[in-house]
Amino acid sequence: MPRSLAARIVQDPSDGFRHLPHLHTQAPDLHVSFDVLGGGRIRARMAGPAVPALRGTEHKADLGARPDEVHGASARLCARWKERFVDFQPVDDQGRALRDRQRPFATVADLTAAPEHELRAVVADLVRGGASLLFDTLLRGDDVQTAVFRSYLRSALSQQGLRIRFDSDLHLPWPMLCVAADPSAGKASLDTLFARFLGHRHQIEHTGDAYAWIGTPRTTQSQPVVSLNHDVRVGRTTKADAVAKVLADGTLCTVRTTYEELIRDFEQPHLDEQLMYFWCHGEFVGNAPEPPVLAIRLTDGTPFDGHTVRELRADYRHSSFRPLVLLNACYAGLAGASADRSFLSRMLIEHGAQGVLGPLIAMPQAFAAEYALEFITRYLRADANAGRITHDLARHFAAQYRNPLAFTYGLHGGMDAQLERANGGEA
């Protein structure tokens, strides 16, 4: 007669297998890589269901562009956004600044009251710059390989709603790049212009490191574990207080305002947070001849950078430290002249962070606070993963606020990051 036998599990032979990262992520629709080879050559590759499979070969081209000129064009595009949009200043017929409209695109997040012709002219200029960087600088060339690669990539990017990973030695402002600009772009509607930005069309993440993190899956909690790391003097007239309230509502929230508090917790082996939010100033610091790196400063003004992260977390690379980091500080996601300029986000990811989201330009505080309020609210509700939320916000601010600044927030990894609770379900 059959009967049930008692069983006691003494070993889990699949333990290592279930830790493999590919079991917990969804492959992107388009994977584009730009590798910098010896002699300053750039090799481009492309794969994924968004492009046709080729018989007996792959999508690959050695480009004619060189890294220094691509980096230079990238820096010019970021500067163009600040000069033409953030610092935009209307003038009267005699060229004098209008005192009642000082930097109107930077002082408020909602631009629905801004004159349509002003917005359209500036955004059309940014579209031209974003398309030129991608197609006229990075992918320029008349050789057959480059022309065919450019054609396939242009066709893929012209689609809507793809999940795209740019795995690249070149750190470029991917969501600020554009599909080919129409010669009549200056006459196009704002909605048509917004739709040309890659950040409006697709979910995008930038990666670069191989096997950035492999280890035991993080511990989930019944309440989200979060932190607010801020300079209390920043953004007093913005929605920064509302962001702090949302962050603390129904969570286990740690508040840090000084460098000492940051290093106290970063050197703890079991630092375990699901969302880590920084609201502070960012700037580049360095000691010549070394290139400058991004440093952030909390209330006490002591710089905290990627070197600090490495010093504190080097012995804990496979710990429970697995947050998504919203680094809401100027230039925090900047695609600069070299990987050194994104050193802070790279070090956070190398030592466990799922991803880092941050602005690619000097961001006006009014918009930065609005963006954080929307992102954190949606992320804590676990409506979607970080890639989906970032994409939705790009479209939300363009449609509802007539503001393109959400295109300047870039994800360094983290497209699949999503909040989970201890019961195994979403929050």
Protein backbone atom coordinates (compact mmCIF):
# COMPACT_ATOMS: atom_id res chain seq x y z
CA MET A 1 0.00 0.00 0.00
CA PRO A 2 1.58 3.36 -1.01
CA ARG A 3 2.48 5.78 1.75
CA SER A 4 4.26 9.14 1.93
CA LEU A 5 7.82 9.09 3.16
CA ALA A 6 9.24 11.91 5.28
CA ALA A 7 12.04 13.78 3.54
CA ARG A 8 14.67 16.16 4.90
CA ILE A 9 16.65 18.33 2.45
CA VAL A 10 20.31 18.42 3.46
CA GLN A 11 21.80 19.93 0.31
CA ASP A 12 20.64 22.17 -2.52
CA PRO A 13 22.47 21.00 -5.65
CA SER A 14 20.92 23.80 -7.73
CA ASP A 15 22.07 26.59 -5.41
CA GLY A 16 24.74 27.92 -7.71
CA PHE A 17 22.55 27.65 -10.80
CA ARG A 18 19.71 29.72 -9.37
CA HIS A 19 22.13 32.56 -8.64
CA LEU A 20 23.00 33.08 -12.29
CA PRO A 21 21.85 36.59 -13.23
CA HIS A 22 20.35 35.65 -16.61
CA LEU A 23 17.60 33.72 -14.82
CA HIS A 24 16.21 36.95 -13.35
CA THR A 25 16.27 39.30 -16.33
CA GLN A 26 14.61 39.69 -19.70
CA ALA A 27 16.84 39.93 -22.75
CA PRO A 28 16.62 43.32 -24.50
CA ASP A 29 14.98 43.68 -27.90
CA LEU A 30 18.11 45.37 -29.20
CA HIS A 31 21.67 45.03 -27.90
CA VAL A 32 24.14 47.49 -29.42
CA SER A 33 27.81 47.53 -28.46
CA PHE A 34 30.57 49.97 -29.31
CA ASP A 35 33.99 48.60 -28.33
CA VAL A 36 37.12 50.75 -28.38
CA LEU A 37 39.94 48.66 -29.84
CA GLY A 38 43.66 49.24 -30.22
CA GLY A 39 44.65 52.26 -32.25
CA GLY A 40 41.49 54.10 -31.28
CA ARG A 41 39.25 52.05 -33.57
CA ILE A 42 35.56 51.64 -32.70
CA ARG A 43 33.87 48.33 -33.50
CA ALA A 44 30.07 48.33 -33.54
CA ARG A 45 27.95 45.21 -33.06
CA MET A 46 24.22 44.71 -32.92
CA ALA A 47 21.89 41.80 -32.11
CA GLY A 48 18.42 41.01 -30.84
CA PRO A 49 14.93 40.35 -32.21
CA ALA A 50 14.56 43.99 -33.29
CA VAL A 51 17.02 43.41 -36.15
CA PRO A 52 16.91 40.58 -38.73
CA ALA A 53 19.19 37.60 -38.24
CA LEU A 54 21.84 37.34 -40.93
CA ARG A 55 22.86 34.09 -42.60
CA GLY A 56 26.38 33.08 -41.66
CA THR A 57 27.44 36.42 -40.20
CA GLU A 58 26.47 39.16 -37.75
CA HIS A 59 25.73 42.87 -37.66
CA LYS A 60 29.22 44.31 -37.25
CA ALA A 61 31.21 47.26 -38.57
CA ASP A 62 34.53 48.96 -37.83
CA LEU A 63 33.66 52.65 -37.77
CA GLY A 64 35.65 55.55 -39.14
CA ALA A 65 34.96 57.75 -36.12
CA ARG A 66 37.51 58.00 -33.32
CA PRO A 67 36.73 58.02 -29.58
CA ASP A 68 38.06 61.53 -28.93
CA GLU A 69 35.87 63.16 -31.58
CA VAL A 70 32.81 61.19 -30.41
CA HIS A 71 33.48 62.24 -26.82
CA GLY A 72 33.89 65.83 -27.94
CA ALA A 73 30.60 65.78 -29.85
CA SER A 74 28.91 64.24 -26.81
CA ALA A 75 30.21 66.97 -24.52
CA ARG A 76 29.04 69.62 -27.00
CA LEU A 77 25.54 68.13 -27.09
CA CYS A 78 25.29 68.19 -23.29
CA ALA A 79 26.55 71.78 -23.26
CA ARG A 80 24.05 72.63 -25.99
CA TRP A 81 21.17 71.48 -23.79
CA LYS A 82 22.34 73.73 -20.96
CA GLU A 83 23.05 76.75 -23.15
CA ARG A 84 20.02 76.52 -25.45
CA PHE A 85 17.40 75.08 -23.11
CA VAL A 86 18.23 75.32 -19.39
CA ASP A 87 19.79 78.79 -19.72
CA PHE A 88 17.39 79.99 -22.43
CA GLN A 89 16.72 83.69 -21.93
CA PRO A 90 14.07 85.59 -23.97
CA VAL A 91 14.99 89.11 -25.04
CA ASP A 92 13.09 92.12 -26.33
CA ASP A 93 13.42 93.72 -29.77
CA GLN A 94 16.61 95.45 -28.67
CA GLY A 95 18.25 92.28 -27.36
CA ARG A 96 17.69 93.06 -23.66
CA ALA A 97 16.78 90.22 -21.30
CA LEU A 98 13.12 90.24 -20.25
CA ARG A 99 13.19 90.70 -16.48
CA ASP A 100 9.83 89.05 -15.97
CA ARG A 101 11.03 85.90 -17.79
CA GLN A 102 14.41 85.00 -16.31
CA ARG A 103 15.47 81.53 -17.58
CA PRO A 104 11.82 80.45 -18.02
CA PHE A 105 12.64 76.84 -18.93
CA ALA A 106 14.65 76.33 -15.73
CA THR A 107 12.56 77.99 -13.02
CA VAL A 108 9.46 75.78 -13.40
CA ALA A 109 8.89 72.19 -14.50
CA ASP A 110 5.55 72.78 -16.22
CA LEU A 111 6.13 74.60 -19.52
CA THR A 112 2.57 74.45 -20.85
CA ALA A 113 2.33 78.25 -20.52
CA ALA A 114 5.57 78.87 -22.43
CA PRO A 115 5.21 80.31 -25.95
CA GLU A 116 4.97 77.41 -28.40
CA HIS A 117 7.28 78.98 -30.98
CA GLU A 118 10.08 79.42 -28.42
CA LEU A 119 9.90 75.83 -27.26
CA ARG A 120 9.62 74.47 -30.78
CA ALA A 121 12.67 76.36 -32.02
CA VAL A 122 14.87 75.24 -29.13
CA VAL A 123 13.73 71.60 -29.20
CA ALA A 124 14.22 71.44 -32.99
CA ASP A 125 17.81 72.57 -32.45
CA LEU A 126 18.35 69.81 -29.86
CA VAL A 127 16.87 67.23 -32.23
CA ARG A 128 19.37 68.23 -34.91
CA GLY A 129 22.22 67.92 -32.44
CA GLY A 130 21.08 64.52 -31.16
CA ALA A 131 20.67 63.08 -34.66
CA SER A 132 23.99 64.52 -35.82
CA LEU A 133 25.95 62.95 -32.95
CA LEU A 134 24.52 59.52 -33.69
CA PHE A 135 24.50 59.43 -37.51
CA ASP A 136 26.95 62.12 -38.66
CA THR A 137 29.66 61.56 -36.06
CA LEU A 138 29.51 58.09 -34.50
CA LEU A 139 28.06 56.19 -37.50
CA ARG A 140 29.39 58.28 -40.37
CA GLY A 141 31.14 56.63 -43.30
CA ASP A 142 30.50 55.45 -46.84
CA ASP A 143 32.08 52.00 -46.68
CA VAL A 144 29.67 49.11 -47.20
CA GLN A 145 29.87 47.71 -43.66
CA THR A 146 29.17 51.04 -41.97
CA ALA A 147 26.40 51.96 -44.42
CA VAL A 148 24.60 48.65 -43.93
CA PHE A 149 25.03 48.73 -40.14
CA ARG A 150 23.75 52.31 -40.01
CA SER A 151 20.74 51.38 -42.12
CA TYR A 152 19.74 48.45 -39.90
CA LEU A 153 20.23 50.45 -36.71
CA ARG A 154 18.28 53.41 -38.08
CA SER A 155 15.41 51.06 -38.96
CA ALA A 156 15.40 49.50 -35.48
CA LEU A 157 15.54 52.83 -33.66
CA SER A 158 12.66 54.12 -35.78
CA GLN A 159 10.41 51.57 -34.12
CA GLN A 160 8.60 52.30 -30.83
CA GLY A 161 8.75 50.73 -27.37
CA LEU A 162 11.90 48.62 -27.62
CA ARG A 163 14.06 47.62 -24.67
CA ILE A 164 17.54 48.70 -25.75
CA ARG A 165 20.87 48.06 -24.10
CA PHE A 166 23.84 50.12 -25.23
CA ASP A 167 26.79 48.09 -23.97
CA SER A 168 29.63 50.40 -24.76
CA ASP A 169 33.10 51.63 -23.94
CA LEU A 170 31.80 54.98 -25.19
CA HIS A 171 29.70 56.75 -22.58
CA LEU A 172 27.19 58.73 -24.64
CA PRO A 173 23.92 60.45 -23.69
CA TRP A 174 21.83 57.74 -25.36
CA PRO A 175 18.29 58.97 -24.47
CA MET A 176 19.21 62.45 -25.79
CA LEU A 177 20.15 61.08 -29.21
CA CYS A 178 17.58 61.19 -32.00
CA VAL A 179 16.42 59.36 -35.06
CA ALA A 180 17.27 61.24 -38.24
CA ALA A 181 16.10 64.82 -38.16
CA ASP A 182 13.65 66.02 -40.81
CA PRO A 183 14.91 69.06 -42.80
CA SER A 184 11.62 70.75 -41.88
CA ALA A 185 12.04 70.00 -38.17
CA GLY A 186 11.70 73.68 -37.29
CA LYS A 187 8.11 73.60 -38.55
CA ALA A 188 7.15 70.31 -36.90
CA SER A 189 4.89 70.20 -33.87
CA LEU A 190 6.37 69.76 -30.41
CA ASP A 191 4.90 66.25 -30.16
CA THR A 192 6.59 65.30 -33.44
CA LEU A 193 9.90 66.70 -32.23
CA PHE A 194 9.67 64.98 -28.83
CA ALA A 195 8.99 61.65 -30.55
CA ARG A 196 12.37 61.80 -32.32
CA PHE A 197 14.34 61.40 -29.07
CA LEU A 198 15.44 57.86 -28.27
CA GLY A 199 14.42 58.44 -24.65
CA HIS A 200 10.86 59.09 -25.83
CA ARG A 201 10.76 56.08 -28.16
CA HIS A 202 12.41 53.34 -26.11
CA GLN A 203 13.49 51.99 -22.74
CA ILE A 204 17.26 52.47 -22.63
CA GLU A 205 20.10 51.44 -20.36
CA HIS A 206 23.84 51.89 -20.69
CA THR A 207 26.14 49.08 -19.57
CA GLY A 208 29.80 48.34 -19.99
CA ASP A 209 31.14 45.95 -17.39
CA ALA A 210 31.07 42.17 -17.75
CA TYR A 211 29.47 40.24 -14.89
CA ALA A 212 29.03 43.37 -12.81
CA TRP A 213 27.42 41.36 -10.03
CA ILE A 214 26.95 37.65 -9.42
CA GLY A 215 26.08 36.41 -5.96
CA THR A 216 23.36 35.40 -3.55
CA PRO A 217 20.01 37.04 -4.34
CA ARG A 218 19.28 40.01 -2.08
CA THR A 219 17.08 39.67 0.98
CA THR A 220 13.57 41.05 0.54
CA GLN A 221 11.67 42.84 3.30
CA SER A 222 8.02 43.20 4.30
CA GLN A 223 8.56 46.97 4.10
CA PRO A 224 10.70 48.65 1.44
CA VAL A 225 14.10 49.64 2.81
CA VAL A 226 15.15 53.02 1.45
CA SER A 227 17.36 56.00 2.24
CA LEU A 228 17.39 59.75 1.71
CA ASN A 229 20.90 61.15 1.40
CA HIS A 230 20.68 64.89 0.98
CA ASP A 231 21.99 68.37 1.43
CA VAL A 232 19.25 70.01 3.46
CA ARG A 233 20.00 73.39 1.84
CA VAL A 234 19.22 72.24 -1.72
CA GLY A 235 15.85 72.90 -3.32
CA ARG A 236 14.03 74.57 -0.47
CA THR A 237 11.50 76.14 -2.84
CA THR A 238 10.91 72.92 -4.82
CA LYS A 239 8.95 69.75 -4.08
CA ALA A 240 11.93 68.28 -2.22
CA ASP A 241 9.92 68.00 1.02
CA ALA A 242 7.14 66.14 -0.81
CA VAL A 243 9.73 63.70 -2.15
CA ALA A 244 11.01 63.07 1.38
CA LYS A 245 7.49 62.36 2.62
CA VAL A 246 6.75 59.88 -0.16
CA LEU A 247 10.10 58.18 0.44
CA ALA A 248 9.32 57.70 4.15
CA ASP A 249 5.67 56.65 3.75
CA GLY A 250 5.32 52.95 4.65
CA THR A 251 9.05 52.27 4.38
CA LEU A 252 12.05 51.74 6.60
CA CYS A 253 13.83 54.98 5.70
CA THR A 254 17.31 56.05 6.75
CA VAL A 255 18.12 59.76 6.45
CA ARG A 256 21.72 60.86 6.02
CA THR A 257 22.90 64.46 5.74
CA THR A 258 26.68 64.22 6.23
CA TYR A 259 29.70 62.48 4.81
CA GLU A 260 30.34 60.78 8.15
CA GLU A 261 26.89 59.20 8.10
CA LEU A 262 27.46 57.97 4.55
CA ILE A 263 30.80 56.30 5.27
CA ARG A 264 29.46 54.89 8.56
CA ASP A 265 26.82 52.93 6.69
CA PHE A 266 28.73 52.21 3.47
CA GLU A 267 31.41 50.38 5.42
CA GLN A 268 28.83 48.06 6.98
CA PRO A 269 29.04 44.61 5.33
CA HIS A 270 25.27 44.08 5.49
CA LEU A 271 24.10 47.43 4.12
CA ASP A 272 20.80 46.37 2.55
CA GLU A 273 18.62 48.97 0.81
CA GLN A 274 16.23 48.62 -2.11
CA LEU A 275 16.19 52.28 -3.15
CA MET A 276 18.92 54.79 -2.34
CA TYR A 277 18.06 58.41 -3.16
CA PHE A 278 20.60 61.24 -3.33
CA TRP A 279 19.46 64.89 -3.47
CA CYS A 280 22.51 67.12 -3.49
CA HIS A 281 25.03 68.97 -5.61
CA GLY A 282 27.42 67.21 -7.97
CA GLU A 283 30.66 68.54 -9.41
CA PHE A 284 33.88 67.32 -10.98
CA VAL A 285 36.96 67.25 -8.81
CA GLY A 286 40.44 65.92 -9.51
CA ASN A 287 44.12 66.17 -8.86
CA ALA A 288 46.14 66.84 -12.02
CA PRO A 289 47.28 65.00 -14.06
CA GLU A 290 44.48 62.59 -13.16
CA PRO A 291 41.15 63.24 -14.94
CA PRO A 292 38.39 64.75 -12.80
CA VAL A 293 35.71 62.47 -11.38
CA LEU A 294 32.21 63.24 -10.19
CA ALA A 295 31.86 63.96 -6.49
CA ILE A 296 28.67 64.64 -4.55
CA ARG A 297 28.42 66.67 -1.35
CA LEU A 298 25.86 66.47 1.41
CA THR A 299 25.21 69.22 3.96
CA ASP A 300 28.73 69.24 5.41
CA GLY A 301 30.33 69.71 1.97
CA THR A 302 32.81 66.81 2.13
CA PRO A 303 33.17 65.16 -1.32
CA PHE A 304 31.99 61.57 -1.76
CA ASP A 305 33.06 59.87 -5.02
CA GLY A 306 33.63 56.51 -6.66
CA HIS A 307 37.00 56.07 -4.96
CA THR A 308 35.24 56.36 -1.61
CA VAL A 309 32.75 53.67 -2.61
CA ARG A 310 35.59 51.34 -3.60
CA GLU A 311 37.49 51.97 -0.37
CA LEU A 312 34.43 51.17 1.75
CA ARG A 313 32.88 48.29 -0.23
CA ALA A 314 35.89 46.46 -1.72
CA ASP A 315 35.60 43.59 0.75
CA TYR A 316 31.82 43.22 0.36
CA ARG A 317 31.28 42.84 -3.38
CA HIS A 318 28.95 39.86 -2.95
CA SER A 319 26.99 41.22 0.00
CA SER A 320 23.28 42.12 0.21
CA PHE A 321 23.95 45.64 -1.12
CA ARG A 322 21.63 45.66 -4.16
CA PRO A 323 19.86 49.04 -4.35
CA LEU A 324 18.64 50.98 -7.29
CA VAL A 325 20.32 54.38 -6.86
CA LEU A 326 18.57 57.60 -7.91
CA LEU A 327 21.49 60.01 -8.00
CA ASN A 328 19.65 63.31 -8.37
CA ALA A 329 22.68 65.56 -8.58
CA CYS A 330 23.99 67.62 -11.47
CA TYR A 331 25.95 65.58 -14.03
CA ALA A 332 25.39 62.35 -12.03
CA GLY A 333 24.72 60.34 -15.19
CA LEU A 334 26.95 62.41 -17.44
CA ALA A 335 28.29 60.75 -20.54
CA GLY A 336 31.62 62.50 -20.54
CA ALA A 337 35.02 62.43 -22.15
CA SER A 338 35.91 59.09 -20.61
CA ALA A 339 34.60 56.40 -18.31
CA ASP A 340 36.17 58.34 -15.44
CA ARG A 341 33.36 60.88 -15.63
CA SER A 342 30.82 58.20 -14.74
CA PHE A 343 33.15 56.66 -12.17
CA LEU A 344 30.74 57.05 -9.23
CA SER A 345 27.92 55.14 -10.90
CA ARG A 346 30.37 52.50 -12.18
CA MET A 347 31.72 51.92 -8.69
CA LEU A 348 28.23 51.68 -7.20
CA ILE A 349 27.29 49.06 -9.80
CA GLU A 350 30.58 47.19 -9.50
CA HIS A 351 30.00 46.84 -5.78
CA GLY A 352 26.40 45.66 -6.00
CA ALA A 353 23.94 48.37 -7.07
CA GLN A 354 21.39 47.15 -9.60
CA GLY A 355 21.63 50.42 -11.49
CA VAL A 356 22.07 54.18 -11.22
CA LEU A 357 19.64 56.74 -12.60
CA GLY A 358 20.83 60.32 -12.90
CA PRO A 359 20.76 63.48 -15.03
CA LEU A 360 23.22 63.80 -17.89
CA ILE A 361 23.38 67.61 -17.63
CA ALA A 362 23.30 70.32 -14.96
CA MET A 363 19.67 69.88 -13.93
CA PRO A 364 17.38 72.69 -12.71
CA GLN A 365 16.25 71.95 -9.18
CA ALA A 366 12.58 72.61 -9.94
CA PHE A 367 12.45 69.86 -12.54
CA ALA A 368 14.74 67.50 -10.62
CA ALA A 369 12.38 67.49 -7.64
CA GLU A 370 9.31 66.92 -9.82
CA TYR A 371 11.04 64.04 -11.59
CA ALA A 372 12.10 62.43 -8.31
CA LEU A 373 8.59 62.73 -6.90
CA GLU A 374 7.11 60.91 -9.89
CA PHE A 375 9.83 58.27 -10.11
CA ILE A 376 9.93 57.39 -6.42
CA THR A 377 6.13 57.27 -6.14
CA ARG A 378 5.89 54.84 -9.05
CA TYR A 379 8.89 52.76 -8.03
CA LEU A 380 7.64 52.27 -4.47
CA ARG A 381 4.24 51.23 -5.85
CA ALA A 382 6.11 48.68 -7.98
CA ASP A 383 4.04 49.67 -11.00
CA ALA A 384 6.87 48.54 -13.27
CA ASN A 385 10.62 48.15 -13.46
CA ALA A 386 12.97 51.11 -13.60
CA GLY A 387 13.32 50.98 -17.38
CA ARG A 388 9.57 51.17 -17.91
CA ILE A 389 9.13 53.96 -15.35
CA THR A 390 11.94 56.02 -16.85
CA HIS A 391 10.43 55.64 -20.31
CA ASP A 392 6.93 56.47 -19.07
CA LEU A 393 8.21 59.60 -17.33
CA ALA A 394 9.98 60.78 -20.48
CA ARG A 395 6.64 60.65 -22.28
CA HIS A 396 4.68 61.98 -19.30
CA PHE A 397 6.71 65.16 -18.91
CA ALA A 398 6.77 65.73 -22.67
CA ALA A 399 3.00 65.30 -23.04
CA GLN A 400 1.73 66.88 -19.82
CA TYR A 401 4.41 69.48 -19.05
CA ARG A 402 5.75 70.12 -22.59
CA ASN A 403 9.17 69.63 -21.04
CA PRO A 404 11.93 67.48 -22.62
CA LEU A 405 14.23 67.42 -19.58
CA ALA A 406 13.17 63.87 -18.68
CA PHE A 407 15.10 62.76 -21.79
CA THR A 408 18.27 63.84 -20.00
CA TYR A 409 17.92 61.23 -17.24
CA GLY A 410 20.01 58.18 -18.09
CA LEU A 411 19.98 54.66 -16.64
CA HIS A 412 23.39 53.12 -16.04
CA GLY A 413 22.23 49.51 -15.81
CA GLY A 414 19.08 48.79 -13.82
CA MET A 415 16.52 48.50 -16.63
CA ASP A 416 15.07 45.38 -14.93
CA ALA A 417 15.30 46.68 -11.34
CA GLN A 418 11.96 46.43 -9.55
CA LEU A 419 10.81 46.60 -5.95
CA GLU A 420 9.80 43.31 -4.32
CA ARG A 421 8.49 42.38 -0.89
CA ALA A 422 9.30 39.42 1.33
CA ASN A 423 6.13 37.52 0.38
CA GLY A 424 7.60 37.01 -3.07
CA GLY A 425 5.19 39.39 -4.75
CA GLU A 426 5.52 42.94 -5.89
CA ALA A 427 5.04 45.77 -3.46
